[in-house]
Amino acid sequence: MLFTAGCRPQLWEDFDPETSPKLGRVLRYQGSDQAWISAKLGPGEERFSRSDGVYSFRNHILRGRLTHLPEGARIVVFHGQHDPDGVLAQRYEWVRRFYR
């Protein structure tokens, strides 16, 4: 996630360590901080996507059964249990080449 410093102050001002994480889970968002941010900002918030060259290793590469780096990829996000230095990711030549 990329925010300009000082923007969306409601993320900080409205955060409560007891209730905020629960809100994200109730709304079925994944993660902890990501769930709170998604729940608080809502579905209309601007997002990066594959059309911007941003791919998820888990959702687009693995689930899409891709073996190559997608054409036009600018960023591949490694979230959840997969890390670029992990055994599974290191099976991909392009991960070994670009991740140092």
Foldseek 3Di string as FASTA:
>chain_A
DDDDPPPPCCLVVVDDPPCQQVQLVVVPHDDGSVSSVDSVVDDVDDDDDVVCQEAECVPCPVVVVHQARDPSHDYYDDDDPDDLPDPVNVVRPVSVVPPD
